PDB file of N, CA and C in Angstrom:
ATOM      1  N   MET A   1       0.847  -1.187   0.000  1.00  0.00           N
ATOM      2  CA  MET A   1       0.000   0.000   0.000  1.00  0.00           C
ATOM      3  C   MET A   1       0.886   1.242   0.000  1.00  0.00           C
ATOM      4  N   THR A   2       0.516   2.213  -0.791  1.00  0.00           N
ATOM      5  CA  THR A   2       1.251   3.460  -0.874  1.00  0.00           C
ATOM      6  C   THR A   2       0.590   4.497   0.023  1.00  0.00           C
ATOM      7  N   ALA A   3       1.388   5.214   0.785  1.00  0.00           N
ATOM      8  CA  ALA A   3       0.861   6.298   1.605  1.00  0.00           C
ATOM      9  C   ALA A   3       0.598   7.505   0.719  1.00  0.00           C
ATOM     10  N   ARG A   4      -0.591   8.076   0.848  1.00  0.00           N
ATOM     11  CA  ARG A   4      -0.928   9.311   0.140  1.00  0.00           C
ATOM     12  C   ARG A   4      -0.850  10.442   1.146  1.00  0.00           C
ATOM     13  N   LEU A   5      -0.089  11.467   0.813  1.00  0.00           N
ATOM     14  CA  LEU A   5       0.074  12.604   1.708  1.00  0.00           C
ATOM     15  C   LEU A   5      -0.704  13.790   1.177  1.00  0.00           C
ATOM     16  N   LEU A   6      -1.266  14.577   2.092  1.00  0.00           N
ATOM     17  CA  LEU A   6      -1.906  15.835   1.747  1.00  0.00           C
ATOM     18  C   LEU A   6      -1.101  16.925   2.441  1.00  0.00           C
ATOM     19  N   PHE A   7      -0.336  17.689   1.658  1.00  0.00           N
ATOM     20  CA  PHE A   7       0.518  18.735   2.208  1.00  0.00           C
ATOM     21  C   PHE A   7      -0.301  19.985   2.488  1.00  0.00           C
ATOM     22  N   ASP A   8      -0.118  20.556   3.693  1.00  0.00           N
ATOM     23  CA  ASP A   8      -0.855  21.780   4.008  1.00  0.00           C
ATOM     24  C   ASP A   8      -0.168  22.983   3.369  1.00  0.00           C
ATOM     25  N   GLU A   9      -0.811  24.142   3.466  1.00  0.00           N
ATOM     26  CA  GLU A   9      -0.301  25.311   2.744  1.00  0.00           C
ATOM     27  C   GLU A   9       0.970  25.895   3.343  1.00  0.00           C
ATOM     28  N   ASN A  10       1.400  25.414   4.495  1.00  0.00           N
ATOM     29  CA  ASN A  10       2.684  25.840   5.052  1.00  0.00           C
ATOM     30  C   ASN A  10       3.854  25.128   4.391  1.00  0.00           C
ATOM     31  N   LEU A  11       3.567  24.107   3.608  1.00  0.00           N
ATOM     32  CA  LEU A  11       4.606  23.351   2.904  1.00  0.00           C
ATOM     33  C   LEU A  11       4.540  23.675   1.420  1.00  0.00           C
ATOM     34  N   SER A  12       5.674  23.621   0.779  1.00  0.00           N
ATOM     35  CA  SER A  12       5.768  23.977  -0.630  1.00  0.00           C
ATOM     36  C   SER A  12       4.951  23.026  -1.508  1.00  0.00           C
ATOM     37  N   VAL A  13       4.252  23.594  -2.466  1.00  0.00           N
ATOM     38  CA  VAL A  13       3.514  22.795  -3.442  1.00  0.00           C
ATOM     39  C   VAL A  13       4.475  21.953  -4.278  1.00  0.00           C
ATOM     40  N   ARG A  14       5.739  22.349  -4.339  1.00  0.00           N
ATOM     41  CA  ARG A  14       6.752  21.607  -5.095  1.00  0.00           C
ATOM     42  C   ARG A  14       7.021  20.230  -4.503  1.00  0.00           C
ATOM     43  N   LEU A  15       6.694  20.016  -3.230  1.00  0.00           N
ATOM     44  CA  LEU A  15       6.944  18.708  -2.613  1.00  0.00           C
ATOM     45  C   LEU A  15       6.156  17.597  -3.295  1.00  0.00           C
ATOM     46  N   VAL A  16       4.986  17.900  -3.810  1.00  0.00           N
ATOM     47  CA  VAL A  16       4.169  16.883  -4.491  1.00  0.00           C
ATOM     48  C   VAL A  16       4.955  16.286  -5.653  1.00  0.00           C
ATOM     49  N   GLU A  17       5.532  17.127  -6.467  1.00  0.00           N
ATOM     50  CA  GLU A  17       6.309  16.661  -7.623  1.00  0.00           C
ATOM     51  C   GLU A  17       7.623  16.020  -7.189  1.00  0.00           C
ATOM     52  N   ARG A  18       8.289  16.627  -6.228  1.00  0.00           N
ATOM     53  CA  ARG A  18       9.610  16.147  -5.820  1.00  0.00           C
ATOM     54  C   ARG A  18       9.557  14.792  -5.113  1.00  0.00           C
ATOM     55  N   LEU A  19       8.425  14.470  -4.502  1.00  0.00           N
ATOM     56  CA  LEU A  19       8.314  13.213  -3.754  1.00  0.00           C
ATOM     57  C   LEU A  19       7.418  12.179  -4.436  1.00  0.00           C
ATOM     58  N   LYS A  20       7.058  12.420  -5.697  1.00  0.00           N
ATOM     59  CA  LYS A  20       6.129  11.498  -6.352  1.00  0.00           C
ATOM     60  C   LYS A  20       6.696  10.101  -6.537  1.00  0.00           C
ATOM     61  N   ASP A  21       8.032   9.948  -6.469  1.00  0.00           N
ATOM     62  CA  ASP A  21       8.610   8.612  -6.590  1.00  0.00           C
ATOM     63  C   ASP A  21       8.381   7.778  -5.328  1.00  0.00           C
ATOM     64  N   VAL A  22       8.246   8.404  -4.163  1.00  0.00           N
ATOM     65  CA  VAL A  22       8.005   7.649  -2.925  1.00  0.00           C
ATOM     66  C   VAL A  22       6.564   7.775  -2.415  1.00  0.00           C
ATOM     67  N   PHE A  23       5.882   8.878  -2.754  1.00  0.00           N
ATOM     68  CA  PHE A  23       4.483   9.081  -2.366  1.00  0.00           C
ATOM     69  C   PHE A  23       3.703   9.547  -3.606  1.00  0.00           C
ATOM     70  N   PRO A  24       3.447   8.640  -4.564  1.00  0.00           N
ATOM     71  CA  PRO A  24       2.942   9.025  -5.884  1.00  0.00           C
ATOM     72  C   PRO A  24       1.548   9.642  -5.931  1.00  0.00           C
ATOM     73  N   ASP A  25       0.683   9.340  -5.010  1.00  0.00           N
ATOM     74  CA  ASP A  25      -0.689   9.841  -5.077  1.00  0.00           C
ATOM     75  C   ASP A  25      -0.939  11.033  -4.164  1.00  0.00           C
ATOM     76  N   SER A  26       0.110  11.729  -3.788  1.00  0.00           N
ATOM     77  CA  SER A  26      -0.010  12.850  -2.858  1.00  0.00           C
ATOM     78  C   SER A  26      -0.543  14.091  -3.552  1.00  0.00           C
ATOM     79  N   ALA A  27      -0.994  15.043  -2.738  1.00  0.00           N
ATOM     80  CA  ALA A  27      -1.551  16.293  -3.256  1.00  0.00           C
ATOM     81  C   ALA A  27      -1.227  17.428  -2.284  1.00  0.00           C
ATOM     82  N   HIS A  28      -1.486  18.629  -2.716  1.00  0.00           N
ATOM     83  CA  HIS A  28      -1.310  19.819  -1.895  1.00  0.00           C
ATOM     84  C   HIS A  28      -2.687  20.453  -1.718  1.00  0.00           C
ATOM     85  N   VAL A  29      -2.938  21.021  -0.536  1.00  0.00           N
ATOM     86  CA  VAL A  29      -4.264  21.599  -0.280  1.00  0.00           C
ATOM     87  C   VAL A  29      -4.608  22.687  -1.274  1.00  0.00           C
ATOM     88  N   MET A  30      -3.615  23.394  -1.804  1.00  0.00           N
ATOM     89  CA  MET A  30      -3.908  24.440  -2.786  1.00  0.00           C
ATOM     90  C   MET A  30      -4.543  23.851  -4.036  1.00  0.00           C
ATOM     91  N   GLU A  31      -4.183  22.607  -4.368  1.00  0.00           N
ATOM     92  CA  GLU A  31      -4.777  21.939  -5.530  1.00  0.00           C
ATOM     93  C   GLU A  31      -6.227  21.575  -5.273  1.00  0.00           C
ATOM     94  N   LEU A  32      -6.570  21.395  -4.004  1.00  0.00           N
ATOM     95  CA  LEU A  32      -7.910  20.936  -3.641  1.00  0.00           C
ATOM     96  C   LEU A  32      -8.810  22.050  -3.136  1.00  0.00           C
ATOM     97  N   GLY A  33      -8.256  23.235  -2.932  1.00  0.00           N
ATOM     98  CA  GLY A  33      -9.039  24.357  -2.437  1.00  0.00           C
ATOM     99  C   GLY A  33      -9.458  24.202  -0.987  1.00  0.00           C
ATOM    100  N   LEU A  34      -8.621  23.581  -0.162  1.00  0.00           N
ATOM    101  CA  LEU A  34      -8.950  23.372   1.238  1.00  0.00           C
ATOM    102  C   LEU A  34      -8.285  24.410   2.125  1.00  0.00           C
ATOM    103  N   ALA A  35      -8.930  24.719   3.223  1.00  0.00           N
ATOM    104  CA  ALA A  35      -8.304  25.554   4.242  1.00  0.00           C
ATOM    105  C   ALA A  35      -7.437  24.669   5.113  1.00  0.00           C
ATOM    106  N   GLN A  36      -6.572  25.265   5.897  1.00  0.00           N
ATOM    107  CA  GLN A  36      -5.727  24.481   6.786  1.00  0.00           C
ATOM    108  C   GLN A  36      -5.728  25.083   8.171  1.00  0.00           C
ATOM    109  N   SER A  37      -5.302  24.279   9.120  1.00  0.00           N
ATOM    110  CA  SER A  37      -5.237  24.709  10.497  1.00  0.00           C
ATOM    111  C   SER A  37      -3.783  24.903  10.895  1.00  0.00           C
ATOM    112  N   LEU A  38      -3.552  25.361  12.102  1.00  0.00           N
ATOM    113  CA  LEU A  38      -2.200  25.619  12.570  1.00  0.00           C
ATOM    114  C   LEU A  38      -1.680  24.490  13.439  1.00  0.00           C
ATOM    115  N   ASP A  39      -0.394  24.209  13.312  1.00  0.00           N
ATOM    116  CA  ASP A  39       0.408  23.332  14.152  1.00  0.00           C
ATOM    117  C   ASP A  39      -0.292  22.089  14.675  1.00  0.00           C
ATOM    118  N   SER A  40      -0.613  22.049  15.954  1.00  0.00           N
ATOM    119  CA  SER A  40      -1.082  20.815  16.587  1.00  0.00           C
ATOM    120  C   SER A  40      -2.571  20.559  16.434  1.00  0.00           C
ATOM    121  N   ASP A  41      -3.302  21.422  15.796  1.00  0.00           N
ATOM    122  CA  ASP A  41      -4.761  21.280  15.739  1.00  0.00           C
ATOM    123  C   ASP A  41      -5.218  19.938  15.182  1.00  0.00           C
ATOM    124  N   PHE A  42      -4.622  19.497  14.077  1.00  0.00           N
ATOM    125  CA  PHE A  42      -5.039  18.230  13.487  1.00  0.00           C
ATOM    126  C   PHE A  42      -4.640  17.047  14.362  1.00  0.00           C
ATOM    127  N   ALA A  43      -3.460  17.118  14.961  1.00  0.00           N
ATOM    128  CA  ALA A  43      -3.034  16.043  15.866  1.00  0.00           C
ATOM    129  C   ALA A  43      -3.965  15.960  17.066  1.00  0.00           C
ATOM    130  N   ASP A  44      -4.338  17.094  17.624  1.00  0.00           N
ATOM    131  CA  ASP A  44      -5.276  17.121  18.750  1.00  0.00           C
ATOM    132  C   ASP A  44      -6.630  16.547  18.339  1.00  0.00           C
ATOM    133  N   MET A  45      -7.094  16.920  17.148  1.00  0.00           N
ATOM    134  CA  MET A  45      -8.382  16.429  16.651  1.00  0.00           C
ATOM    135  C   MET A  45      -8.350  14.913  16.476  1.00  0.00           C
ATOM    136  N   ALA A  46      -7.260  14.382  15.913  1.00  0.00           N
ATOM    137  CA  ALA A  46      -7.146  12.939  15.722  1.00  0.00           C
ATOM    138  C   ALA A  46      -7.133  12.221  17.069  1.00  0.00           C
ATOM    139  N   ALA A  47      -6.482  12.802  18.078  1.00  0.00           N
ATOM    140  CA  ALA A  47      -6.420  12.183  19.405  1.00  0.00           C
ATOM    141  C   ALA A  47      -7.799  12.124  20.052  1.00  0.00           C
ATOM    142  N   VAL A  48      -8.610  13.137  19.834  1.00  0.00           N
ATOM    143  CA  VAL A  48      -9.942  13.200  20.453  1.00  0.00           C
ATOM    144  C   VAL A  48     -10.979  12.434  19.644  1.00  0.00           C
ATOM    145  N   LEU A  49     -10.975  12.622  18.325  1.00  0.00           N
ATOM    146  CA  LEU A  49     -12.029  12.065  17.468  1.00  0.00           C
ATOM    147  C   LEU A  49     -11.643  10.781  16.750  1.00  0.00           C
ATOM    148  N   GLY A  50     -10.355  10.482  16.702  1.00  0.00           N
ATOM    149  CA  GLY A  50      -9.897   9.324  15.940  1.00  0.00           C
ATOM    150  C   GLY A  50      -9.728   9.668  14.469  1.00  0.00           C
ATOM    151  N   ALA A  51      -9.309   8.680  13.709  1.00  0.00           N
ATOM    152  CA  ALA A  51      -9.093   8.882  12.269  1.00  0.00           C
ATOM    153  C   ALA A  51     -10.368   8.557  11.508  1.00  0.00           C
ATOM    154  N   PRO A  52     -10.564   9.059  10.316  1.00  0.00           N
ATOM    155  CA  PRO A  52      -9.686   9.994   9.661  1.00  0.00           C
ATOM    156  C   PRO A  52      -9.855  11.413  10.203  1.00  0.00           C
ATOM    157  N   PRO A  53      -8.912  12.269  10.013  1.00  0.00           N
ATOM    158  CA  PRO A  53      -7.685  12.045   9.253  1.00  0.00           C
ATOM    159  C   PRO A  53      -6.593  11.465  10.130  1.00  0.00           C
ATOM    160  N   LYS A  54      -5.688  10.759   9.506  1.00  0.00           N
ATOM    161  CA  LYS A  54      -4.429  10.386  10.149  1.00  0.00           C
ATOM    162  C   LYS A  54      -3.519  11.596   9.965  1.00  0.00           C
ATOM    163  N   VAL A  55      -2.714  11.872  10.961  1.00  0.00           N
ATOM    164  CA  VAL A  55      -1.900  13.087  10.925  1.00  0.00           C
ATOM    165  C   VAL A  55      -0.422  12.734  10.901  1.00  0.00           C
ATOM    166  N   LEU A  56       0.269  13.258   9.919  1.00  0.00           N
ATOM    167  CA  LEU A  56       1.714  13.174   9.831  1.00  0.00           C
ATOM    168  C   LEU A  56       2.230  14.558  10.218  1.00  0.00           C
ATOM    169  N   TRP A  57       2.759  14.661  11.434  1.00  0.00           N
ATOM    170  CA  TRP A  57       3.136  15.950  11.998  1.00  0.00           C
ATOM    171  C   TRP A  57       4.634  16.150  11.840  1.00  0.00           C
ATOM    172  N   LEU A  58       5.020  17.082  10.993  1.00  0.00           N
ATOM    173  CA  LEU A  58       6.426  17.379  10.747  1.00  0.00           C
ATOM    174  C   LEU A  58       6.893  18.374  11.798  1.00  0.00           C
ATOM    175  N   ARG A  59       7.711  17.896  12.721  1.00  0.00           N
ATOM    176  CA  ARG A  59       8.176  18.706  13.845  1.00  0.00           C
ATOM    177  C   ARG A  59       9.557  19.271  13.538  1.00  0.00           C
ATOM    178  N   CYS A  60       9.644  20.029  12.460  1.00  0.00           N
ATOM    179  CA  CYS A  60      10.942  20.551  12.028  1.00  0.00           C
ATOM    180  C   CYS A  60      10.944  22.068  11.907  1.00  0.00           C
ATOM    181  N   GLY A  61       9.847  22.717  12.242  1.00  0.00           N
ATOM    182  CA  GLY A  61       9.799  24.166  12.114  1.00  0.00           C
ATOM    183  C   GLY A  61       9.750  24.594  10.657  1.00  0.00           C
ATOM    184  N   ASN A  62       9.968  25.851  10.450  1.00  0.00           N
ATOM    185  CA  ASN A  62       9.920  26.426   9.111  1.00  0.00           C
ATOM    186  C   ASN A  62      11.263  26.182   8.427  1.00  0.00           C
ATOM    187  N   LYS A  63      11.330  25.142   7.616  1.00  0.00           N
ATOM    188  CA  LYS A  63      12.573  24.741   6.959  1.00  0.00           C
ATOM    189  C   LYS A  63      12.433  24.846   5.445  1.00  0.00           C
ATOM    190  N   ALA A  64      13.571  24.837   4.787  1.00  0.00           N
ATOM    191  CA  ALA A  64      13.597  24.845   3.321  1.00  0.00           C
ATOM    192  C   ALA A  64      12.919  23.588   2.788  1.00  0.00           C
ATOM    193  N   THR A  65      12.360  23.692   1.599  1.00  0.00           N
ATOM    194  CA  THR A  65      11.690  22.562   0.956  1.00  0.00           C
ATOM    195  C   THR A  65      12.613  21.356   0.858  1.00  0.00           C
ATOM    196  N   SER A  66      13.876  21.573   0.566  1.00  0.00           N
ATOM    197  CA  SER A  66      14.815  20.455   0.433  1.00  0.00           C
ATOM    198  C   SER A  66      14.983  19.706   1.752  1.00  0.00           C
ATOM    199  N   ILE A  67      14.908  20.386   2.880  1.00  0.00           N
ATOM    200  CA  ILE A  67      15.033  19.731   4.181  1.00  0.00           C
ATOM    201  C   ILE A  67      13.779  18.921   4.495  1.00  0.00           C
ATOM    202  N   VAL A  68      12.608  19.466   4.170  1.00  0.00           N
ATOM    203  CA  VAL A  68      11.356  18.734   4.378  1.00  0.00           C
ATOM    204  C   VAL A  68      11.329  17.505   3.469  1.00  0.00           C
ATOM    205  N   GLU A  69      11.767  17.664   2.231  1.00  0.00           N
ATOM    206  CA  GLU A  69      11.840  16.531   1.304  1.00  0.00           C
ATOM    207  C   GLU A  69      12.739  15.433   1.864  1.00  0.00           C
ATOM    208  N   GLU A  70      13.911  15.806   2.356  1.00  0.00           N
ATOM    209  CA  GLU A  70      14.858  14.835   2.901  1.00  0.00           C
ATOM    210  C   GLU A  70      14.279  14.132   4.127  1.00  0.00           C
ATOM    211  N   LEU A  71      13.583  14.863   4.982  1.00  0.00           N
ATOM    212  CA  LEU A  71      12.949  14.283   6.170  1.00  0.00           C
ATOM    213  C   LEU A  71      11.931  13.220   5.765  1.00  0.00           C
ATOM    214  N   LEU A  72      11.096  13.527   4.777  1.00  0.00           N
ATOM    215  CA  LEU A  72      10.078  12.570   4.328  1.00  0.00           C
ATOM    216  C   LEU A  72      10.707  11.375   3.623  1.00  0.00           C
ATOM    217  N   ARG A  73      11.752  11.600   2.854  1.00  0.00           N
ATOM    218  CA  ARG A  73      12.441  10.485   2.211  1.00  0.00           C
ATOM    219  C   ARG A  73      13.074   9.559   3.254  1.00  0.00           C
ATOM    220  N   ARG A  74      13.707  10.152   4.261  1.00  0.00           N
ATOM    221  CA  ARG A  74      14.387   9.369   5.298  1.00  0.00           C
ATOM    222  C   ARG A  74      13.401   8.503   6.079  1.00  0.00           C
ATOM    223  N   HIS A  75      12.182   8.975   6.217  1.00  0.00           N
ATOM    224  CA  HIS A  75      11.177   8.271   7.015  1.00  0.00           C
ATOM    225  C   HIS A  75      10.076   7.647   6.155  1.00  0.00           C
ATOM    226  N   ALA A  76      10.314   7.464   4.867  1.00  0.00           N
ATOM    227  CA  ALA A  76       9.284   6.965   3.948  1.00  0.00           C
ATOM    228  C   ALA A  76       8.699   5.632   4.410  1.00  0.00           C
ATOM    229  N   GLU A  77       9.535   4.714   4.855  1.00  0.00           N
ATOM    230  CA  GLU A  77       9.031   3.408   5.285  1.00  0.00           C
ATOM    231  C   GLU A  77       8.180   3.534   6.547  1.00  0.00           C
ATOM    232  N   SER A  78       8.578   4.397   7.466  1.00  0.00           N
ATOM    233  CA  SER A  78       7.778   4.631   8.680  1.00  0.00           C
ATOM    234  C   SER A  78       6.425   5.237   8.321  1.00  0.00           C
ATOM    235  N   VAL A  79       6.412   6.119   7.345  1.00  0.00           N
ATOM    236  CA  VAL A  79       5.155   6.739   6.906  1.00  0.00           C
ATOM    237  C   VAL A  79       4.242   5.686   6.291  1.00  0.00           C
ATOM    238  N   ARG A  80       4.800   4.802   5.471  1.00  0.00           N
ATOM    239  CA  ARG A  80       3.991   3.728   4.880  1.00  0.00           C
ATOM    240  C   ARG A  80       3.415   2.815   5.953  1.00  0.00           C
ATOM    241  N   SER A  81       4.230   2.429   6.928  1.00  0.00           N
ATOM    242  CA  SER A  81       3.753   1.570   8.023  1.00  0.00           C
ATOM    243  C   SER A  81       2.658   2.263   8.826  1.00  0.00           C
ATOM    244  N   PHE A  82       2.850   3.535   9.082  1.00  0.00           N
ATOM    245  CA  PHE A  82       1.851   4.339   9.791  1.00  0.00           C
ATOM    246  C   PHE A  82       0.527   4.365   9.025  1.00  0.00           C
ATOM    247  N   ALA A  83       0.613   4.573   7.715  1.00  0.00           N
ATOM    248  CA  ALA A  83      -0.597   4.643   6.882  1.00  0.00           C
ATOM    249  C   ALA A  83      -1.366   3.332   6.909  1.00  0.00           C
ATOM    250  N   GLU A  84      -0.663   2.213   7.016  1.00  0.00           N
ATOM    251  CA  GLU A  84      -1.309   0.895   7.004  1.00  0.00           C
ATOM    252  C   GLU A  84      -1.833   0.461   8.366  1.00  0.00           C
ATOM    253  N   ASP A  85      -1.398   1.100   9.440  1.00  0.00           N
ATOM    254  CA  ASP A  85      -1.789   0.724  10.797  1.00  0.00           C
ATOM    255  C   ASP A  85      -3.140   1.352  11.144  1.00  0.00           C
ATOM    256  N   PRO A  86      -4.195   0.549  11.259  1.00  0.00           N
ATOM    257  CA  PRO A  86      -5.522   1.107  11.521  1.00  0.00           C
ATOM    258  C   PRO A  86      -5.656   1.763  12.900  1.00  0.00           C
ATOM    259  N   GLU A  87      -4.772   1.435  13.814  1.00  0.00           N
ATOM    260  CA  GLU A  87      -4.829   2.006  15.162  1.00  0.00           C
ATOM    261  C   GLU A  87      -4.053   3.320  15.293  1.00  0.00           C
ATOM    262  N   ALA A  88      -3.124   3.561  14.397  1.00  0.00           N
ATOM    263  CA  ALA A  88      -2.271   4.756  14.494  1.00  0.00           C
ATOM    264  C   ALA A  88      -3.022   6.002  14.074  1.00  0.00           C
ATOM    265  N   LEU A  89      -2.884   7.058  14.860  1.00  0.00           N
ATOM    266  CA  LEU A  89      -3.570   8.316  14.572  1.00  0.00           C
ATOM    267  C   LEU A  89      -2.629   9.434  14.172  1.00  0.00           C
ATOM    268  N   CYS A  90      -1.450   9.485  14.789  1.00  0.00           N
ATOM    269  CA  CYS A  90      -0.529  10.594  14.553  1.00  0.00           C
ATOM    270  C   CYS A  90       0.902  10.065  14.569  1.00  0.00           C
ATOM    271  N   LEU A  91       1.663  10.454  13.561  1.00  0.00           N
ATOM    272  CA  LEU A  91       3.085  10.133  13.494  1.00  0.00           C
ATOM    273  C   LEU A  91       3.847  11.444  13.468  1.00  0.00           C
ATOM    274  N   GLU A  92       4.726  11.636  14.455  1.00  0.00           N
ATOM    275  CA  GLU A  92       5.547  12.835  14.519  1.00  0.00           C
ATOM    276  C   GLU A  92       6.921  12.519  13.956  1.00  0.00           C
ATOM    277  N   LEU A  93       7.375  13.346  13.018  1.00  0.00           N
ATOM    278  CA  LEU A  93       8.707  13.202  12.439  1.00  0.00           C
ATOM    279  C   LEU A  93       9.537  14.427  12.813  1.00  0.00           C
ATOM    280  N   TYR A  94      10.709  14.157  13.346  1.00  0.00           N
ATOM    281  CA  TYR A  94      11.612  15.232  13.773  1.00  0.00           C
ATOM    282  C   TYR A  94      12.803  15.314  12.842  1.00  0.00           C
ATOM    283  N   ALA A  95      13.235  16.536  12.564  1.00  0.00           N
ATOM    284  CA  ALA A  95      14.411  16.754  11.712  1.00  0.00           C
ATOM    285  C   ALA A  95      15.667  16.432  12.495  1.00  0.00           C
TER     286      ALA A  95
END
């Protein structure tokens, strides 16, 4: 199973193209016309309400796109395992 990521508007839209080899069905909220929330809101919501959504929380601060790309590449297998685990709600990745 491939993990599909939905990047919020705080992350570069370029990540969709740059990571399509490891997360091919991903999208950016700008492509979907969705609003986004700040920082821990989605993680808190998943903890209280359960999934969906599953939350992939990038705990790296405001970093260059290349650093976010490298973080996701380094943890690609963990992200896939997280996506397949029906009990998992939030995965935090640290730079």
